[in-house]
Amino acid sequence: MSNPQAAAIIAWCAEADPELKAVASIEQSTLIVHGSDDTMFPSINAYRMFKAMKNATLVIYPDSGHGALFQYPETFVAHVTTFLNQKI
């Protein structure tokens, strides 16, 4: 079974792309969700992705780590619902 998200993360981390050209090429509406205290992927990375993309929404949850969506499940569901309803 293939995991496209894992492959994309590994490829993104393995290749130098200081100008974020690969991320900037994404035209699909994208919701970026991140924890403010994620030690695996610093939150500045999420912000840089957001700034590079044409049609992105960024949500950073306070006092949360890599599993921010599990730390704020109700808020996460509300954000996803709002995001998806705006894109219909």
PDB file of N, CA and C in Angstrom:
ATOM      1  N   MET A   1       0.848  -1.182   0.000  1.00  0.00           N
ATOM      2  CA  MET A   1       0.000   0.000   0.000  1.00  0.00           C
ATOM      3  C   MET A   1       0.887   1.237   0.000  1.00  0.00           C
ATOM      4  N   SER A   2       0.627   2.143  -0.879  1.00  0.00           N
ATOM      5  CA  SER A   2       1.430   3.347  -1.009  1.00  0.00           C
ATOM      6  C   SER A   2       0.889   4.446  -0.101  1.00  0.00           C
ATOM      7  N   ASN A   3       1.776   5.284   0.376  1.00  0.00           N
ATOM      8  CA  ASN A   3       1.379   6.401   1.220  1.00  0.00           C
ATOM      9  C   ASN A   3       1.894   7.689   0.569  1.00  0.00           C
ATOM     10  N   PRO A   4       1.086   8.339  -0.268  1.00  0.00           N
ATOM     11  CA  PRO A   4       1.520   9.534  -0.985  1.00  0.00           C
ATOM     12  C   PRO A   4       1.962  10.664  -0.058  1.00  0.00           C
ATOM     13  N   GLN A   5       1.302  10.822   1.096  1.00  0.00           N
ATOM     14  CA  GLN A   5       1.689  11.896   2.013  1.00  0.00           C
ATOM     15  C   GLN A   5       3.092  11.646   2.558  1.00  0.00           C
ATOM     16  N   ALA A   6       3.377  10.425   2.988  1.00  0.00           N
ATOM     17  CA  ALA A   6       4.696  10.102   3.514  1.00  0.00           C
ATOM     18  C   ALA A   6       5.759  10.292   2.432  1.00  0.00           C
ATOM     19  N   ALA A   7       5.459   9.850   1.220  1.00  0.00           N
ATOM     20  CA  ALA A   7       6.406  10.012   0.114  1.00  0.00           C
ATOM     21  C   ALA A   7       6.677  11.486  -0.166  1.00  0.00           C
ATOM     22  N   ALA A   8       5.634  12.302  -0.114  1.00  0.00           N
ATOM     23  CA  ALA A   8       5.802  13.741  -0.359  1.00  0.00           C
ATOM     24  C   ALA A   8       6.642  14.394   0.731  1.00  0.00           C
ATOM     25  N   ILE A   9       6.400  14.020   1.979  1.00  0.00           N
ATOM     26  CA  ILE A   9       7.175  14.592   3.091  1.00  0.00           C
ATOM     27  C   ILE A   9       8.639  14.201   2.978  1.00  0.00           C
ATOM     28  N   ILE A  10       8.898  12.925   2.698  1.00  0.00           N
ATOM     29  CA  ILE A  10      10.278  12.451   2.572  1.00  0.00           C
ATOM     30  C   ILE A  10      10.979  13.148   1.416  1.00  0.00           C
ATOM     31  N   ALA A  11      10.297  13.265   0.285  1.00  0.00           N
ATOM     32  CA  ALA A  11      10.887  13.932  -0.881  1.00  0.00           C
ATOM     33  C   ALA A  11      11.140  15.403  -0.589  1.00  0.00           C
ATOM     34  N   TRP A  12      10.194  16.050   0.106  1.00  0.00           N
ATOM     35  CA  TRP A  12      10.337  17.482   0.404  1.00  0.00           C
ATOM     36  C   TRP A  12      11.506  17.704   1.348  1.00  0.00           C
ATOM     37  N   CYS A  13      11.685  16.821   2.320  1.00  0.00           N
ATOM     38  CA  CYS A  13      12.780  16.969   3.278  1.00  0.00           C
ATOM     39  C   CYS A  13      14.127  16.600   2.662  1.00  0.00           C
ATOM     40  N   ALA A  14      14.135  15.693   1.685  1.00  0.00           N
ATOM     41  CA  ALA A  14      15.378  15.195   1.105  1.00  0.00           C
ATOM     42  C   ALA A  14      15.974  16.129   0.059  1.00  0.00           C
ATOM     43  N   GLU A  15      15.143  16.907  -0.592  1.00  0.00           N
ATOM     44  CA  GLU A  15      15.625  17.765  -1.664  1.00  0.00           C
ATOM     45  C   GLU A  15      15.677  19.215  -1.209  1.00  0.00           C
ATOM     46  N   ALA A  16      16.786  19.861  -1.510  1.00  0.00           N
ATOM     47  CA  ALA A  16      16.904  21.280  -1.188  1.00  0.00           C
ATOM     48  C   ALA A  16      15.987  22.080  -2.112  1.00  0.00           C
ATOM     49  N   ASP A  17      15.147  22.872  -1.528  1.00  0.00           N
ATOM     50  CA  ASP A  17      14.220  23.722  -2.277  1.00  0.00           C
ATOM     51  C   ASP A  17      14.022  25.015  -1.492  1.00  0.00           C
ATOM     52  N   PRO A  18      15.092  25.802  -1.344  1.00  0.00           N
ATOM     53  CA  PRO A  18      15.014  26.987  -0.481  1.00  0.00           C
ATOM     54  C   PRO A  18      13.968  28.008  -0.921  1.00  0.00           C
ATOM     55  N   GLU A  19      13.593  27.989  -2.177  1.00  0.00           N
ATOM     56  CA  GLU A  19      12.580  28.930  -2.667  1.00  0.00           C
ATOM     57  C   GLU A  19      11.182  28.321  -2.635  1.00  0.00           C
ATOM     58  N   LEU A  20      11.075  27.086  -2.167  1.00  0.00           N
ATOM     59  CA  LEU A  20       9.797  26.371  -2.053  1.00  0.00           C
ATOM     60  C   LEU A  20       9.028  26.321  -3.374  1.00  0.00           C
ATOM     61  N   LYS A  21       9.740  26.085  -4.462  1.00  0.00           N
ATOM     62  CA  LYS A  21       9.104  26.024  -5.780  1.00  0.00           C
ATOM     63  C   LYS A  21       8.082  24.897  -5.870  1.00  0.00           C
ATOM     64  N   ALA A  22       8.388  23.746  -5.266  1.00  0.00           N
ATOM     65  CA  ALA A  22       7.450  22.621  -5.316  1.00  0.00           C
ATOM     66  C   ALA A  22       6.160  22.973  -4.581  1.00  0.00           C
ATOM     67  N   VAL A  23       6.289  23.591  -3.423  1.00  0.00           N
ATOM     68  CA  VAL A  23       5.114  23.985  -2.641  1.00  0.00           C
ATOM     69  C   VAL A  23       4.347  25.091  -3.361  1.00  0.00           C
ATOM     70  N   ALA A  24       5.078  26.037  -3.919  1.00  0.00           N
ATOM     71  CA  ALA A  24       4.447  27.160  -4.614  1.00  0.00           C
ATOM     72  C   ALA A  24       3.671  26.707  -5.852  1.00  0.00           C
ATOM     73  N   SER A  25       4.011  25.543  -6.384  1.00  0.00           N
ATOM     74  CA  SER A  25       3.316  25.048  -7.584  1.00  0.00           C
ATOM     75  C   SER A  25       1.948  24.438  -7.263  1.00  0.00           C
ATOM     76  N   ILE A  26       1.644  24.232  -6.000  1.00  0.00           N
ATOM     77  CA  ILE A  26       0.351  23.653  -5.608  1.00  0.00           C
ATOM     78  C   ILE A  26      -0.737  24.705  -5.773  1.00  0.00           C
ATOM     79  N   GLU A  27      -1.723  24.409  -6.590  1.00  0.00           N
ATOM     80  CA  GLU A  27      -2.807  25.359  -6.831  1.00  0.00           C
ATOM     81  C   GLU A  27      -4.083  24.991  -6.076  1.00  0.00           C
ATOM     82  N   GLN A  28      -4.170  23.767  -5.605  1.00  0.00           N
ATOM     83  CA  GLN A  28      -5.341  23.287  -4.867  1.00  0.00           C
ATOM     84  C   GLN A  28      -5.469  24.045  -3.543  1.00  0.00           C
ATOM     85  N   SER A  29      -6.691  24.375  -3.157  1.00  0.00           N
ATOM     86  CA  SER A  29      -6.918  24.967  -1.845  1.00  0.00           C
ATOM     87  C   SER A  29      -6.370  24.017  -0.792  1.00  0.00           C
ATOM     88  N   THR A  30      -5.619  24.556   0.143  1.00  0.00           N
ATOM     89  CA  THR A  30      -4.921  23.718   1.118  1.00  0.00           C
ATOM     90  C   THR A  30      -5.099  24.262   2.519  1.00  0.00           C
ATOM     91  N   LEU A  31      -5.420  23.384   3.450  1.00  0.00           N
ATOM     92  CA  LEU A  31      -5.494  23.738   4.862  1.00  0.00           C
ATOM     93  C   LEU A  31      -4.231  23.211   5.519  1.00  0.00           C
ATOM     94  N   ILE A  32      -3.435  24.100   6.074  1.00  0.00           N
ATOM     95  CA  ILE A  32      -2.213  23.739   6.781  1.00  0.00           C
ATOM     96  C   ILE A  32      -2.504  23.860   8.268  1.00  0.00           C
ATOM     97  N   VAL A  33      -2.366  22.752   8.996  1.00  0.00           N
ATOM     98  CA  VAL A  33      -2.636  22.717  10.432  1.00  0.00           C
ATOM     99  C   VAL A  33      -1.339  22.351  11.139  1.00  0.00           C
ATOM    100  N   HIS A  34      -1.017  23.108  12.176  1.00  0.00           N
ATOM    101  CA  HIS A  34       0.274  22.898  12.837  1.00  0.00           C
ATOM    102  C   HIS A  34       0.178  23.231  14.313  1.00  0.00           C
ATOM    103  N   GLY A  35       1.043  22.624  15.102  1.00  0.00           N
ATOM    104  CA  GLY A  35       1.153  22.948  16.522  1.00  0.00           C
ATOM    105  C   GLY A  35       2.236  23.976  16.747  1.00  0.00           C
ATOM    106  N   SER A  36       2.024  24.869  17.683  1.00  0.00           N
ATOM    107  CA  SER A  36       2.994  25.943  17.934  1.00  0.00           C
ATOM    108  C   SER A  36       4.319  25.426  18.492  1.00  0.00           C
ATOM    109  N   ASP A  37       4.293  24.258  19.134  1.00  0.00           N
ATOM    110  CA  ASP A  37       5.499  23.713  19.763  1.00  0.00           C
ATOM    111  C   ASP A  37       5.874  22.345  19.199  1.00  0.00           C
ATOM    112  N   ASP A  38       5.701  22.176  17.895  1.00  0.00           N
ATOM    113  CA  ASP A  38       6.030  20.915  17.228  1.00  0.00           C
ATOM    114  C   ASP A  38       7.547  20.781  17.149  1.00  0.00           C
ATOM    115  N   THR A  39       8.107  19.753  17.790  1.00  0.00           N
ATOM    116  CA  THR A  39       9.560  19.566  17.771  1.00  0.00           C
ATOM    117  C   THR A  39      10.030  18.784  16.543  1.00  0.00           C
ATOM    118  N   MET A  40       9.111  18.069  15.863  1.00  0.00           N
ATOM    119  CA  MET A  40       9.489  17.319  14.668  1.00  0.00           C
ATOM    120  C   MET A  40       9.629  18.238  13.460  1.00  0.00           C
ATOM    121  N   PHE A  41       8.670  19.147  13.329  1.00  0.00           N
ATOM    122  CA  PHE A  41       8.663  20.097  12.219  1.00  0.00           C
ATOM    123  C   PHE A  41       8.384  21.477  12.806  1.00  0.00           C
ATOM    124  N   PRO A  42       9.395  22.335  12.884  1.00  0.00           N
ATOM    125  CA  PRO A  42       9.185  23.665  13.469  1.00  0.00           C
ATOM    126  C   PRO A  42       8.061  24.424  12.764  1.00  0.00           C
ATOM    127  N   SER A  43       7.317  25.199  13.530  1.00  0.00           N
ATOM    128  CA  SER A  43       6.153  25.903  12.981  1.00  0.00           C
ATOM    129  C   SER A  43       6.525  26.917  11.903  1.00  0.00           C
ATOM    130  N   ILE A  44       7.760  27.365  11.879  1.00  0.00           N
ATOM    131  CA  ILE A  44       8.182  28.289  10.814  1.00  0.00           C
ATOM    132  C   ILE A  44       8.041  27.619   9.443  1.00  0.00           C
ATOM    133  N   ASN A  45       8.186  26.296   9.406  1.00  0.00           N
ATOM    134  CA  ASN A  45       8.014  25.582   8.132  1.00  0.00           C
ATOM    135  C   ASN A  45       6.583  25.696   7.617  1.00  0.00           C
ATOM    136  N   ALA A  46       5.617  25.568   8.525  1.00  0.00           N
ATOM    137  CA  ALA A  46       4.215  25.708   8.128  1.00  0.00           C
ATOM    138  C   ALA A  46       3.948  27.121   7.628  1.00  0.00           C
ATOM    139  N   TYR A  47       4.519  28.103   8.308  1.00  0.00           N
ATOM    140  CA  TYR A  47       4.332  29.492   7.895  1.00  0.00           C
ATOM    141  C   TYR A  47       4.963  29.737   6.522  1.00  0.00           C
ATOM    142  N   ARG A  48       6.150  29.197   6.295  1.00  0.00           N
ATOM    143  CA  ARG A  48       6.811  29.362   4.994  1.00  0.00           C
ATOM    144  C   ARG A  48       5.986  28.713   3.878  1.00  0.00           C
ATOM    145  N   MET A  49       5.408  27.537   4.159  1.00  0.00           N
ATOM    146  CA  MET A  49       4.540  26.881   3.172  1.00  0.00           C
ATOM    147  C   MET A  49       3.346  27.772   2.856  1.00  0.00           C
ATOM    148  N   PHE A  50       2.709  28.267   3.908  1.00  0.00           N
ATOM    149  CA  PHE A  50       1.549  29.145   3.751  1.00  0.00           C
ATOM    150  C   PHE A  50       1.892  30.362   2.887  1.00  0.00           C
ATOM    151  N   LYS A  51       3.014  30.990   3.161  1.00  0.00           N
ATOM    152  CA  LYS A  51       3.411  32.186   2.405  1.00  0.00           C
ATOM    153  C   LYS A  51       3.725  31.855   0.947  1.00  0.00           C
ATOM    154  N   ALA A  52       4.234  30.675   0.690  1.00  0.00           N
ATOM    155  CA  ALA A  52       4.629  30.298  -0.670  1.00  0.00           C
ATOM    156  C   ALA A  52       3.455  29.879  -1.531  1.00  0.00           C
ATOM    157  N   MET A  53       2.383  29.413  -0.910  1.00  0.00           N
ATOM    158  CA  MET A  53       1.253  28.868  -1.672  1.00  0.00           C
ATOM    159  C   MET A  53       0.259  29.962  -2.059  1.00  0.00           C
ATOM    160  N   LYS A  54      -0.396  29.741  -3.187  1.00  0.00           N
ATOM    161  CA  LYS A  54      -1.349  30.725  -3.713  1.00  0.00           C
ATOM    162  C   LYS A  54      -2.696  30.687  -2.996  1.00  0.00           C
ATOM    163  N   ASN A  55      -3.074  29.524  -2.493  1.00  0.00           N
ATOM    164  CA  ASN A  55      -4.431  29.372  -1.988  1.00  0.00           C
ATOM    165  C   ASN A  55      -4.425  28.509  -0.724  1.00  0.00           C
ATOM    166  N   ALA A  56      -3.711  28.980   0.309  1.00  0.00           N
ATOM    167  CA  ALA A  56      -3.584  28.201   1.536  1.00  0.00           C
ATOM    168  C   ALA A  56      -4.194  28.936   2.723  1.00  0.00           C
ATOM    169  N   THR A  57      -4.653  28.156   3.678  1.00  0.00           N
ATOM    170  CA  THR A  57      -5.135  28.658   4.956  1.00  0.00           C
ATOM    171  C   THR A  57      -4.259  28.009   6.020  1.00  0.00           C
ATOM    172  N   LEU A  58      -3.762  28.806   6.957  1.00  0.00           N
ATOM    173  CA  LEU A  58      -2.886  28.309   8.012  1.00  0.00           C
ATOM    174  C   LEU A  58      -3.566  28.439   9.365  1.00  0.00           C
ATOM    175  N   VAL A  59      -3.548  27.334  10.122  1.00  0.00           N
ATOM    176  CA  VAL A  59      -4.043  27.333  11.496  1.00  0.00           C
ATOM    177  C   VAL A  59      -2.919  26.781  12.364  1.00  0.00           C
ATOM    178  N   ILE A  60      -2.492  27.563  13.346  1.00  0.00           N
ATOM    179  CA  ILE A  60      -1.480  27.103  14.305  1.00  0.00           C
ATOM    180  C   ILE A  60      -2.134  27.056  15.675  1.00  0.00           C
ATOM    181  N   TYR A  61      -2.169  25.849  16.250  1.00  0.00           N
ATOM    182  CA  TYR A  61      -2.792  25.663  17.552  1.00  0.00           C
ATOM    183  C   TYR A  61      -1.789  25.986  18.665  1.00  0.00           C
ATOM    184  N   PRO A  62      -2.215  26.748  19.674  1.00  0.00           N
ATOM    185  CA  PRO A  62      -1.305  27.157  20.745  1.00  0.00           C
ATOM    186  C   PRO A  62      -0.949  25.996  21.681  1.00  0.00           C
ATOM    187  N   ASP A  63       0.246  26.088  22.240  1.00  0.00           N
ATOM    188  CA  ASP A  63       0.688  25.115  23.251  1.00  0.00           C
ATOM    189  C   ASP A  63       0.443  23.679  22.828  1.00  0.00           C
ATOM    190  N   SER A  64       0.766  23.372  21.585  1.00  0.00           N
ATOM    191  CA  SER A  64       0.536  22.020  21.083  1.00  0.00           C
ATOM    192  C   SER A  64       1.733  21.563  20.265  1.00  0.00           C
ATOM    193  N   GLY A  65       1.872  20.259  20.157  1.00  0.00           N
ATOM    194  CA  GLY A  65       2.991  19.678  19.442  1.00  0.00           C
ATOM    195  C   GLY A  65       2.593  19.116  18.095  1.00  0.00           C
ATOM    196  N   HIS A  66       3.255  18.006  17.739  1.00  0.00           N
ATOM    197  CA  HIS A  66       3.063  17.401  16.428  1.00  0.00           C
ATOM    198  C   HIS A  66       1.656  16.852  16.243  1.00  0.00           C
ATOM    199  N   GLY A  67       0.991  16.510  17.328  1.00  0.00           N
ATOM    200  CA  GLY A  67      -0.373  15.979  17.247  1.00  0.00           C
ATOM    201  C   GLY A  67      -1.416  17.013  17.611  1.00  0.00           C
ATOM    202  N   ALA A  68      -1.240  18.234  17.121  1.00  0.00           N
ATOM    203  CA  ALA A  68      -2.125  19.343  17.498  1.00  0.00           C
ATOM    204  C   ALA A  68      -3.597  19.018  17.253  1.00  0.00           C
ATOM    205  N   LEU A  69      -3.902  18.323  16.178  1.00  0.00           N
ATOM    206  CA  LEU A  69      -5.301  18.029  15.891  1.00  0.00           C
ATOM    207  C   LEU A  69      -5.905  17.097  16.934  1.00  0.00           C
ATOM    208  N   PHE A  70      -5.076  16.304  17.617  1.00  0.00           N
ATOM    209  CA  PHE A  70      -5.574  15.441  18.686  1.00  0.00           C
ATOM    210  C   PHE A  70      -5.680  16.199  20.010  1.00  0.00           C
ATOM    211  N   GLN A  71      -4.905  17.261  20.139  1.00  0.00           N
ATOM    212  CA  GLN A  71      -4.958  18.067  21.349  1.00  0.00           C
ATOM    213  C   GLN A  71      -6.146  19.037  21.327  1.00  0.00           C
ATOM    214  N   TYR A  72      -6.601  19.380  20.132  1.00  0.00           N
ATOM    215  CA  TYR A  72      -7.738  20.293  19.946  1.00  0.00           C
ATOM    216  C   TYR A  72      -8.745  19.670  18.986  1.00  0.00           C
ATOM    217  N   PRO A  73      -9.288  18.501  19.298  1.00  0.00           N
ATOM    218  CA  PRO A  73     -10.132  17.806  18.314  1.00  0.00           C
ATOM    219  C   PRO A  73     -11.378  18.565  17.883  1.00  0.00           C
ATOM    220  N   GLU A  74     -12.082  19.179  18.813  1.00  0.00           N
ATOM    221  CA  GLU A  74     -13.315  19.892  18.449  1.00  0.00           C
ATOM    222  C   GLU A  74     -12.994  21.124  17.601  1.00  0.00           C
ATOM    223  N   THR A  75     -11.949  21.839  17.993  1.00  0.00           N
ATOM    224  CA  THR A  75     -11.545  23.035  17.240  1.00  0.00           C
ATOM    225  C   THR A  75     -11.062  22.641  15.850  1.00  0.00           C
ATOM    226  N   PHE A  76     -10.305  21.547  15.777  1.00  0.00           N
ATOM    227  CA  PHE A  76      -9.825  21.059  14.489  1.00  0.00           C
ATOM    228  C   PHE A  76     -10.994  20.726  13.560  1.00  0.00           C
ATOM    229  N   VAL A  77     -11.981  19.999  14.075  1.00  0.00           N
ATOM    230  CA  VAL A  77     -13.148  19.649  13.258  1.00  0.00           C
ATOM    231  C   VAL A  77     -13.865  20.911  12.790  1.00  0.00           C
ATOM    232  N   ALA A  78     -13.988  21.892  13.660  1.00  0.00           N
ATOM    233  CA  ALA A  78     -14.642  23.153  13.269  1.00  0.00           C
ATOM    234  C   ALA A  78     -13.839  23.861  12.170  1.00  0.00           C
ATOM    235  N   HIS A  79     -12.516  23.874  12.291  1.00  0.00           N
ATOM    236  CA  HIS A  79     -11.694  24.515  11.264  1.00  0.00           C
ATOM    237  C   HIS A  79     -11.791  23.781   9.928  1.00  0.00           C
ATOM    238  N   VAL A  80     -11.746  22.450   9.967  1.00  0.00           N
ATOM    239  CA  VAL A  80     -11.849  21.669   8.730  1.00  0.00           C
ATOM    240  C   VAL A  80     -13.220  21.868   8.086  1.00  0.00           C
ATOM    241  N   THR A  81     -14.271  21.846   8.893  1.00  0.00           N
ATOM    242  CA  THR A  81     -15.626  22.052   8.370  1.00  0.00           C
ATOM    243  C   THR A  81     -15.759  23.422   7.712  1.00  0.00           C
ATOM    244  N   THR A  82     -15.243  24.441   8.382  1.00  0.00           N
ATOM    245  CA  THR A  82     -15.292  25.794   7.821  1.00  0.00           C
ATOM    246  C   THR A  82     -14.510  25.866   6.522  1.00  0.00           C
ATOM    247  N   PHE A  83     -13.312  25.285   6.510  1.00  0.00           N
ATOM    248  CA  PHE A  83     -12.469  25.273   5.308  1.00  0.00           C
ATOM    249  C   PHE A  83     -13.180  24.584   4.152  1.00  0.00           C
ATOM    250  N   LEU A  84     -13.733  23.407   4.405  1.00  0.00           N
ATOM    251  CA  LEU A  84     -14.389  22.656   3.340  1.00  0.00           C
ATOM    252  C   LEU A  84     -15.665  23.354   2.859  1.00  0.00           C
ATOM    253  N   ASN A  85     -16.407  23.954   3.747  1.00  0.00           N
ATOM    254  CA  ASN A  85     -17.624  24.665   3.346  1.00  0.00           C
ATOM    255  C   ASN A  85     -17.318  25.895   2.502  1.00  0.00           C
ATOM    256  N   GLN A  86     -16.200  26.524   2.710  1.00  0.00           N
ATOM    257  CA  GLN A  86     -15.819  27.696   1.920  1.00  0.00           C
ATOM    258  C   GLN A  86     -15.420  27.285   0.513  1.00  0.00           C
ATOM    259  N   LYS A  87     -15.001  26.064   0.331  1.00  0.00           N
ATOM    260  CA  LYS A  87     -14.471  25.603  -0.954  1.00  0.00           C
ATOM    261  C   LYS A  87     -15.518  24.942  -1.828  1.00  0.00           C
ATOM    262  N   ILE A  88     -16.737  24.852  -1.347  1.00  0.00           N
ATOM    263  CA  ILE A  88     -17.808  24.195  -2.119  1.00  0.00           C
ATOM    264  C   ILE A  88     -18.361  25.161  -3.148  1.00  0.00           C
TER     265      ILE A  88
END
